[in-house]
Amino acid sequence: MKEIHGRRNWPWWKSQIIKKYSNGTWIWKKTKSFENDKYSVDKDPYEWCLRQSKRLKAIDPQMNTQMRTHKLLTKTPGELEHAVKCR
């Protein structure tokens, strides 16, 4: 593909990747991955949040940060969700 299109910037390549992989099956797999991956204390919180946030961006690129944060909090244990919302 690089031979055909030459040197392009990252936003162009990103849009091409999205065009290729943003089909129903791929989005369904990302949705299932997001739903099945719940946070637990033995996981690194930074890596888990980043992975889940990237999945949400892949599922719905137009989703705002507040909605992404809310969806991430629903995947955490109840005490953590409550503690974060009370701050």
PDB file of N, CA and C in Angstrom:
ATOM      1  N   MET A   1       0.826  -1.186   0.000  1.00  0.00           N
ATOM      2  CA  MET A   1       0.000   0.000   0.000  1.00  0.00           C
ATOM      3  C   MET A   1       0.875   1.256   0.000  1.00  0.00           C
ATOM      4  N   LYS A   2       2.026   1.176   0.699  1.00  0.00           N
ATOM      5  CA  LYS A   2       2.916   2.323   0.743  1.00  0.00           C
ATOM      6  C   LYS A   2       3.463   2.652  -0.648  1.00  0.00           C
ATOM      7  N   GLU A   3       3.704   1.625  -1.460  1.00  0.00           N
ATOM      8  CA  GLU A   3       4.214   1.854  -2.812  1.00  0.00           C
ATOM      9  C   GLU A   3       3.190   2.602  -3.666  1.00  0.00           C
ATOM     10  N   ILE A   4       1.927   2.322  -3.445  1.00  0.00           N
ATOM     11  CA  ILE A   4       0.860   2.957  -4.226  1.00  0.00           C
ATOM     12  C   ILE A   4       0.643   4.405  -3.799  1.00  0.00           C
ATOM     13  N   HIS A   5       0.592   4.646  -2.490  1.00  0.00           N
ATOM     14  CA  HIS A   5       0.220   5.969  -1.969  1.00  0.00           C
ATOM     15  C   HIS A   5       1.403   6.839  -1.570  1.00  0.00           C
ATOM     16  N   GLY A   6       2.589   6.274  -1.482  1.00  0.00           N
ATOM     17  CA  GLY A   6       3.754   7.072  -1.126  1.00  0.00           C
ATOM     18  C   GLY A   6       3.759   7.463   0.347  1.00  0.00           C
ATOM     19  N   ARG A   7       4.539   8.490   0.648  1.00  0.00           N
ATOM     20  CA  ARG A   7       4.641   8.947   2.039  1.00  0.00           C
ATOM     21  C   ARG A   7       3.442   9.834   2.367  1.00  0.00           C
ATOM     22  N   ARG A   8       2.704   9.437   3.363  1.00  0.00           N
ATOM     23  CA  ARG A   8       1.544  10.205   3.827  1.00  0.00           C
ATOM     24  C   ARG A   8       1.682  10.434   5.318  1.00  0.00           C
ATOM     25  N   ASN A   9       0.935  11.399   5.840  1.00  0.00           N
ATOM     26  CA  ASN A   9       0.979  11.686   7.270  1.00  0.00           C
ATOM     27  C   ASN A   9       0.087  10.701   8.043  1.00  0.00           C
ATOM     28  N   TRP A  10       0.253  10.702   9.360  1.00  0.00           N
ATOM     29  CA  TRP A  10      -0.476   9.751  10.203  1.00  0.00           C
ATOM     30  C   TRP A  10      -1.992   9.897  10.103  1.00  0.00           C
ATOM     31  N   PRO A  11      -2.575  11.104  10.128  1.00  0.00           N
ATOM     32  CA  PRO A  11      -4.038  11.192  10.008  1.00  0.00           C
ATOM     33  C   PRO A  11      -4.579  10.517   8.746  1.00  0.00           C
ATOM     34  N   TRP A  12      -3.851  10.608   7.636  1.00  0.00           N
ATOM     35  CA  TRP A  12      -4.301   9.941   6.410  1.00  0.00           C
ATOM     36  C   TRP A  12      -4.273   8.425   6.586  1.00  0.00           C
ATOM     37  N   TRP A  13      -3.161   7.893   7.122  1.00  0.00           N
ATOM     38  CA  TRP A  13      -3.065   6.446   7.337  1.00  0.00           C
ATOM     39  C   TRP A  13      -4.123   5.965   8.322  1.00  0.00           C
ATOM     40  N   LYS A  14      -4.351   6.744   9.356  1.00  0.00           N
ATOM     41  CA  LYS A  14      -5.371   6.364  10.347  1.00  0.00           C
ATOM     42  C   LYS A  14      -6.743   6.262   9.690  1.00  0.00           C
ATOM     43  N   SER A  15      -7.076   7.222   8.832  1.00  0.00           N
ATOM     44  CA  SER A  15      -8.377   7.172   8.157  1.00  0.00           C
ATOM     45  C   SER A  15      -8.478   5.953   7.242  1.00  0.00           C
ATOM     46  N   GLN A  16      -7.372   5.566   6.609  1.00  0.00           N
ATOM     47  CA  GLN A  16      -7.380   4.378   5.747  1.00  0.00           C
ATOM     48  C   GLN A  16      -7.570   3.098   6.557  1.00  0.00           C
ATOM     49  N   ILE A  17      -6.937   3.041   7.723  1.00  0.00           N
ATOM     50  CA  ILE A  17      -7.105   1.880   8.605  1.00  0.00           C
ATOM     51  C   ILE A  17      -8.549   1.783   9.070  1.00  0.00           C
ATOM     52  N   ILE A  18      -9.130   2.916   9.434  1.00  0.00           N
ATOM     53  CA  ILE A  18     -10.522   2.930   9.882  1.00  0.00           C
ATOM     54  C   ILE A  18     -11.445   2.480   8.758  1.00  0.00           C
ATOM     55  N   LYS A  19     -11.191   2.950   7.534  1.00  0.00           N
ATOM     56  CA  LYS A  19     -12.016   2.523   6.396  1.00  0.00           C
ATOM     57  C   LYS A  19     -11.959   1.013   6.206  1.00  0.00           C
ATOM     58  N   LYS A  20     -10.753   0.458   6.341  1.00  0.00           N
ATOM     59  CA  LYS A  20     -10.582  -0.971   6.094  1.00  0.00           C
ATOM     60  C   LYS A  20     -11.208  -1.825   7.190  1.00  0.00           C
ATOM     61  N   TYR A  21     -11.052  -1.421   8.452  1.00  0.00           N
ATOM     62  CA  TYR A  21     -11.469  -2.281   9.557  1.00  0.00           C
ATOM     63  C   TYR A  21     -12.775  -1.879  10.216  1.00  0.00           C
ATOM     64  N   SER A  22     -13.361  -0.782   9.852  1.00  0.00           N
ATOM     65  CA  SER A  22     -14.610  -0.350  10.501  1.00  0.00           C
ATOM     66  C   SER A  22     -15.817  -0.993   9.842  1.00  0.00           C
ATOM     67  N   ASN A  23     -15.857  -2.303   9.873  1.00  0.00           N
ATOM     68  CA  ASN A  23     -17.046  -2.992   9.381  1.00  0.00           C
ATOM     69  C   ASN A  23     -17.800  -3.564  10.581  1.00  0.00           C
ATOM     70  N   GLY A  24     -18.959  -4.087  10.349  1.00  0.00           N
ATOM     71  CA  GLY A  24     -19.813  -4.556  11.432  1.00  0.00           C
ATOM     72  C   GLY A  24     -19.184  -5.619  12.306  1.00  0.00           C
ATOM     73  N   THR A  25     -18.500  -6.578  11.698  1.00  0.00           N
ATOM     74  CA  THR A  25     -17.877  -7.663  12.459  1.00  0.00           C
ATOM     75  C   THR A  25     -16.770  -7.137  13.350  1.00  0.00           C
ATOM     76  N   TRP A  26     -15.932  -6.252  12.818  1.00  0.00           N
ATOM     77  CA  TRP A  26     -14.826  -5.700  13.584  1.00  0.00           C
ATOM     78  C   TRP A  26     -15.342  -4.878  14.769  1.00  0.00           C
ATOM     79  N   ILE A  27     -16.359  -4.054  14.533  1.00  0.00           N
ATOM     80  CA  ILE A  27     -16.935  -3.238  15.606  1.00  0.00           C
ATOM     81  C   ILE A  27     -17.582  -4.135  16.653  1.00  0.00           C
ATOM     82  N   TRP A  28     -18.244  -5.206  16.225  1.00  0.00           N
ATOM     83  CA  TRP A  28     -18.860  -6.144  17.162  1.00  0.00           C
ATOM     84  C   TRP A  28     -17.799  -6.798  18.048  1.00  0.00           C
ATOM     85  N   LYS A  29     -16.657  -7.191  17.467  1.00  0.00           N
ATOM     86  CA  LYS A  29     -15.571  -7.798  18.243  1.00  0.00           C
ATOM     87  C   LYS A  29     -15.015  -6.812  19.269  1.00  0.00           C
ATOM     88  N   LYS A  30     -14.840  -5.558  18.864  1.00  0.00           N
ATOM     89  CA  LYS A  30     -14.341  -4.542  19.795  1.00  0.00           C
ATOM     90  C   LYS A  30     -15.346  -4.299  20.922  1.00  0.00           C
ATOM     91  N   THR A  31     -16.630  -4.299  20.593  1.00  0.00           N
ATOM     92  CA  THR A  31     -17.672  -4.113  21.605  1.00  0.00           C
ATOM     93  C   THR A  31     -17.649  -5.259  22.601  1.00  0.00           C
ATOM     94  N   LYS A  32     -17.547  -6.483  22.112  1.00  0.00           N
ATOM     95  CA  LYS A  32     -17.492  -7.655  22.994  1.00  0.00           C
ATOM     96  C   LYS A  32     -16.242  -7.614  23.869  1.00  0.00           C
ATOM     97  N   SER A  33     -15.118  -7.215  23.304  1.00  0.00           N
ATOM     98  CA  SER A  33     -13.881  -7.100  24.081  1.00  0.00           C
ATOM     99  C   SER A  33     -14.045  -6.084  25.200  1.00  0.00           C
ATOM    100  N   PHE A  34     -14.680  -4.953  24.886  1.00  0.00           N
ATOM    101  CA  PHE A  34     -14.914  -3.932  25.902  1.00  0.00           C
ATOM    102  C   PHE A  34     -15.822  -4.465  27.005  1.00  0.00           C
ATOM    103  N   GLU A  35     -16.905  -5.119  26.629  1.00  0.00           N
ATOM    104  CA  GLU A  35     -17.868  -5.618  27.609  1.00  0.00           C
ATOM    105  C   GLU A  35     -17.278  -6.707  28.503  1.00  0.00           C
ATOM    106  N   ASN A  36     -16.431  -7.563  27.964  1.00  0.00           N
ATOM    107  CA  ASN A  36     -15.909  -8.695  28.725  1.00  0.00           C
ATOM    108  C   ASN A  36     -14.717  -8.347  29.607  1.00  0.00           C
ATOM    109  N   ASP A  37     -14.061  -7.225  29.360  1.00  0.00           N
ATOM    110  CA  ASP A  37     -12.866  -6.843  30.115  1.00  0.00           C
ATOM    111  C   ASP A  37     -13.258  -5.928  31.269  1.00  0.00           C
ATOM    112  N   LYS A  38     -13.395  -6.505  32.454  1.00  0.00           N
ATOM    113  CA  LYS A  38     -13.741  -5.722  33.643  1.00  0.00           C
ATOM    114  C   LYS A  38     -12.469  -5.441  34.443  1.00  0.00           C
ATOM    115  N   TYR A  39     -12.439  -4.310  35.114  1.00  0.00           N
ATOM    116  CA  TYR A  39     -11.261  -3.948  35.899  1.00  0.00           C
ATOM    117  C   TYR A  39     -11.217  -4.759  37.186  1.00  0.00           C
ATOM    118  N   SER A  40     -10.032  -5.192  37.554  1.00  0.00           N
ATOM    119  CA  SER A  40      -9.816  -5.820  38.854  1.00  0.00           C
ATOM    120  C   SER A  40      -8.523  -5.256  39.425  1.00  0.00           C
ATOM    121  N   VAL A  41      -8.361  -5.358  40.729  1.00  0.00           N
ATOM    122  CA  VAL A  41      -7.228  -4.714  41.397  1.00  0.00           C
ATOM    123  C   VAL A  41      -5.879  -5.308  41.004  1.00  0.00           C
ATOM    124  N   ASP A  42      -5.844  -6.508  40.461  1.00  0.00           N
ATOM    125  CA  ASP A  42      -4.567  -7.097  40.063  1.00  0.00           C
ATOM    126  C   ASP A  42      -4.079  -6.580  38.708  1.00  0.00           C
ATOM    127  N   LYS A  43      -4.889  -5.806  38.003  1.00  0.00           N
ATOM    128  CA  LYS A  43      -4.488  -5.238  36.710  1.00  0.00           C
ATOM    129  C   LYS A  43      -3.901  -3.842  36.908  1.00  0.00           C
ATOM    130  N   ASP A  44      -3.035  -3.452  35.990  1.00  0.00           N
ATOM    131  CA  ASP A  44      -2.481  -2.101  36.003  1.00  0.00           C
ATOM    132  C   ASP A  44      -3.579  -1.138  35.543  1.00  0.00           C
ATOM    133  N   PRO A  45      -3.988  -0.186  36.387  1.00  0.00           N
ATOM    134  CA  PRO A  45      -5.111   0.689  36.024  1.00  0.00           C
ATOM    135  C   PRO A  45      -4.845   1.539  34.784  1.00  0.00           C
ATOM    136  N   TYR A  46      -3.614   2.014  34.617  1.00  0.00           N
ATOM    137  CA  TYR A  46      -3.307   2.851  33.460  1.00  0.00           C
ATOM    138  C   TYR A  46      -3.479   2.073  32.161  1.00  0.00           C
ATOM    139  N   GLU A  47      -2.876   0.887  32.107  1.00  0.00           N
ATOM    140  CA  GLU A  47      -2.971   0.072  30.889  1.00  0.00           C
ATOM    141  C   GLU A  47      -4.411  -0.329  30.603  1.00  0.00           C
ATOM    142  N   TRP A  48      -5.150  -0.702  31.647  1.00  0.00           N
ATOM    143  CA  TRP A  48      -6.540  -1.117  31.462  1.00  0.00           C
ATOM    144  C   TRP A  48      -7.391   0.038  30.934  1.00  0.00           C
ATOM    145  N   CYS A  49      -7.260   1.217  31.555  1.00  0.00           N
ATOM    146  CA  CYS A  49      -8.042   2.387  31.116  1.00  0.00           C
ATOM    147  C   CYS A  49      -7.689   2.776  29.685  1.00  0.00           C
ATOM    148  N   LEU A  50      -6.419   2.764  29.360  1.00  0.00           N
ATOM    149  CA  LEU A  50      -5.992   3.130  28.014  1.00  0.00           C
ATOM    150  C   LEU A  50      -6.534   2.140  26.983  1.00  0.00           C
ATOM    151  N   ARG A  51      -6.437   0.844  27.287  1.00  0.00           N
ATOM    152  CA  ARG A  51      -6.941  -0.182  26.366  1.00  0.00           C
ATOM    153  C   ARG A  51      -8.446  -0.035  26.162  1.00  0.00           C
ATOM    154  N   GLN A  52      -9.181   0.157  27.253  1.00  0.00           N
ATOM    155  CA  GLN A  52     -10.628   0.295  27.157  1.00  0.00           C
ATOM    156  C   GLN A  52     -11.017   1.590  26.436  1.00  0.00           C
ATOM    157  N   SER A  53     -10.282   2.661  26.701  1.00  0.00           N
ATOM    158  CA  SER A  53     -10.570   3.929  26.033  1.00  0.00           C
ATOM    159  C   SER A  53     -10.352   3.809  24.524  1.00  0.00           C
ATOM    160  N   LYS A  54      -9.295   3.123  24.124  1.00  0.00           N
ATOM    161  CA  LYS A  54      -9.038   2.914  22.696  1.00  0.00           C
ATOM    162  C   LYS A  54     -10.137   2.076  22.061  1.00  0.00           C
ATOM    163  N   ARG A  55     -10.632   1.088  22.789  1.00  0.00           N
ATOM    164  CA  ARG A  55     -11.736   0.278  22.265  1.00  0.00           C
ATOM    165  C   ARG A  55     -12.975   1.140  22.049  1.00  0.00           C
ATOM    166  N   LEU A  56     -13.268   2.015  23.023  1.00  0.00           N
ATOM    167  CA  LEU A  56     -14.439   2.887  22.887  1.00  0.00           C
ATOM    168  C   LEU A  56     -14.285   3.844  21.710  1.00  0.00           C
ATOM    169  N   LYS A  57     -13.081   4.371  21.521  1.00  0.00           N
ATOM    170  CA  LYS A  57     -12.839   5.252  20.372  1.00  0.00           C
ATOM    171  C   LYS A  57     -13.024   4.499  19.064  1.00  0.00           C
ATOM    172  N   ALA A  58     -12.621   3.229  19.044  1.00  0.00           N
ATOM    173  CA  ALA A  58     -12.784   2.423  17.832  1.00  0.00           C
ATOM    174  C   ALA A  58     -14.253   2.137  17.558  1.00  0.00           C
ATOM    175  N   ILE A  59     -15.016   1.884  18.618  1.00  0.00           N
ATOM    176  CA  ILE A  59     -16.435   1.578  18.468  1.00  0.00           C
ATOM    177  C   ILE A  59     -17.204   2.815  18.020  1.00  0.00           C
ATOM    178  N   ASP A  60     -16.925   3.949  18.679  1.00  0.00           N
ATOM    179  CA  ASP A  60     -17.646   5.188  18.373  1.00  0.00           C
ATOM    180  C   ASP A  60     -16.684   6.373  18.430  1.00  0.00           C
ATOM    181  N   PRO A  61     -16.074   6.751  17.309  1.00  0.00           N
ATOM    182  CA  PRO A  61     -15.108   7.849  17.302  1.00  0.00           C
ATOM    183  C   PRO A  61     -15.697   9.197  17.726  1.00  0.00           C
ATOM    184  N   GLN A  62     -17.001   9.364  17.637  1.00  0.00           N
ATOM    185  CA  GLN A  62     -17.637  10.636  17.979  1.00  0.00           C
ATOM    186  C   GLN A  62     -17.969  10.761  19.467  1.00  0.00           C
ATOM    187  N   MET A  63     -17.749   9.697  20.242  1.00  0.00           N
ATOM    188  CA  MET A  63     -18.089   9.717  21.667  1.00  0.00           C
ATOM    189  C   MET A  63     -17.209  10.733  22.403  1.00  0.00           C
ATOM    190  N   ASN A  64     -17.837  11.554  23.250  1.00  0.00           N
ATOM    191  CA  ASN A  64     -17.063  12.563  23.969  1.00  0.00           C
ATOM    192  C   ASN A  64     -16.376  11.953  25.198  1.00  0.00           C
ATOM    193  N   THR A  65     -15.446  12.705  25.776  1.00  0.00           N
ATOM    194  CA  THR A  65     -14.647  12.225  26.898  1.00  0.00           C
ATOM    195  C   THR A  65     -15.502  11.897  28.111  1.00  0.00           C
ATOM    196  N   GLN A  66     -16.506  12.704  28.377  1.00  0.00           N
ATOM    197  CA  GLN A  66     -17.366  12.466  29.536  1.00  0.00           C
ATOM    198  C   GLN A  66     -18.097  11.127  29.412  1.00  0.00           C
ATOM    199  N   MET A  67     -18.610  10.819  28.247  1.00  0.00           N
ATOM    200  CA  MET A  67     -19.313   9.552  28.048  1.00  0.00           C
ATOM    201  C   MET A  67     -18.345   8.375  28.135  1.00  0.00           C
ATOM    202  N   ARG A  68     -17.132   8.548  27.563  1.00  0.00           N
ATOM    203  CA  ARG A  68     -16.130   7.484  27.662  1.00  0.00           C
ATOM    204  C   ARG A  68     -15.771   7.213  29.115  1.00  0.00           C
ATOM    205  N   THR A  69     -15.594   8.277  29.893  1.00  0.00           N
ATOM    206  CA  THR A  69     -15.271   8.125  31.309  1.00  0.00           C
ATOM    207  C   THR A  69     -16.391   7.412  32.046  1.00  0.00           C
ATOM    208  N   HIS A  70     -17.621   7.786  31.763  1.00  0.00           N
ATOM    209  CA  HIS A  70     -18.773   7.136  32.402  1.00  0.00           C
ATOM    210  C   HIS A  70     -18.801   5.642  32.074  1.00  0.00           C
ATOM    211  N   LYS A  71     -18.573   5.296  30.824  1.00  0.00           N
ATOM    212  CA  LYS A  71     -18.579   3.881  30.428  1.00  0.00           C
ATOM    213  C   LYS A  71     -17.439   3.119  31.097  1.00  0.00           C
ATOM    214  N   LEU A  72     -16.272   3.758  31.236  1.00  0.00           N
ATOM    215  CA  LEU A  72     -15.158   3.105  31.924  1.00  0.00           C
ATOM    216  C   LEU A  72     -15.487   2.859  33.391  1.00  0.00           C
ATOM    217  N   LEU A  73     -16.125   3.835  34.025  1.00  0.00           N
ATOM    218  CA  LEU A  73     -16.473   3.671  35.439  1.00  0.00           C
ATOM    219  C   LEU A  73     -17.468   2.543  35.665  1.00  0.00           C
ATOM    220  N   THR A  74     -18.340   2.299  34.704  1.00  0.00           N
ATOM    221  CA  THR A  74     -19.306   1.212  34.872  1.00  0.00           C
ATOM    222  C   THR A  74     -18.631  -0.154  34.811  1.00  0.00           C
ATOM    223  N   LYS A  75     -17.389  -0.219  34.330  1.00  0.00           N
ATOM    224  CA  LYS A  75     -16.663  -1.487  34.248  1.00  0.00           C
ATOM    225  C   LYS A  75     -15.811  -1.746  35.487  1.00  0.00           C
ATOM    226  N   THR A  76     -15.832  -0.827  36.449  1.00  0.00           N
ATOM    227  CA  THR A  76     -15.038  -0.983  37.671  1.00  0.00           C
ATOM    228  C   THR A  76     -15.918  -1.520  38.794  1.00  0.00           C
ATOM    229  N   PRO A  77     -15.293  -2.043  39.866  1.00  0.00           N
ATOM    230  CA  PRO A  77     -16.092  -2.493  41.012  1.00  0.00           C
ATOM    231  C   PRO A  77     -16.902  -1.336  41.591  1.00  0.00           C
ATOM    232  N   GLY A  78     -18.016  -1.626  42.202  1.00  0.00           N
ATOM    233  CA  GLY A  78     -18.938  -0.609  42.707  1.00  0.00           C
ATOM    234  C   GLY A  78     -18.314   0.411  43.634  1.00  0.00           C
ATOM    235  N   GLU A  79     -17.414  -0.030  44.518  1.00  0.00           N
ATOM    236  CA  GLU A  79     -16.809   0.905  45.476  1.00  0.00           C
ATOM    237  C   GLU A  79     -15.953   1.948  44.761  1.00  0.00           C
ATOM    238  N   LEU A  80     -15.217   1.527  43.756  1.00  0.00           N
ATOM    239  CA  LEU A  80     -14.365   2.461  43.020  1.00  0.00           C
ATOM    240  C   LEU A  80     -15.200   3.464  42.239  1.00  0.00           C
ATOM    241  N   GLU A  81     -16.235   2.987  41.577  1.00  0.00           N
ATOM    242  CA  GLU A  81     -17.120   3.880  40.823  1.00  0.00           C
ATOM    243  C   GLU A  81     -17.729   4.921  41.756  1.00  0.00           C
ATOM    244  N   HIS A  82     -18.203   4.486  42.912  1.00  0.00           N
ATOM    245  CA  HIS A  82     -18.812   5.402  43.876  1.00  0.00           C
ATOM    246  C   HIS A  82     -17.785   6.420  44.379  1.00  0.00           C
ATOM    247  N   ALA A  83     -16.569   5.959  44.695  1.00  0.00           N
ATOM    248  CA  ALA A  83     -15.533   6.856  45.211  1.00  0.00           C
ATOM    249  C   ALA A  83     -15.160   7.927  44.194  1.00  0.00           C
ATOM    250  N   VAL A  84     -15.046   7.555  42.941  1.00  0.00           N
ATOM    251  CA  VAL A  84     -14.678   8.520  41.899  1.00  0.00           C
ATOM    252  C   VAL A  84     -15.797   9.524  41.678  1.00  0.00           C
ATOM    253  N   LYS A  85     -17.039   9.059  41.660  1.00  0.00           N
ATOM    254  CA  LYS A  85     -18.165   9.963  41.428  1.00  0.00           C
ATOM    255  C   LYS A  85     -18.363  10.939  42.583  1.00  0.00           C
ATOM    256  N   CYS A  86     -17.954  10.569  43.793  1.00  0.00           N
ATOM    257  CA  CYS A  86     -18.142  11.435  44.957  1.00  0.00           C
ATOM    258  C   CYS A  86     -17.068  12.514  45.065  1.00  0.00           C
ATOM    259  N   ARG A  87     -16.049  12.456  44.278  1.00  0.00           N
ATOM    260  CA  ARG A  87     -14.965  13.455  44.372  1.00  0.00           C
ATOM    261  C   ARG A  87     -15.274  14.679  43.575  1.00  0.00           C
TER     262      ARG A  87
END
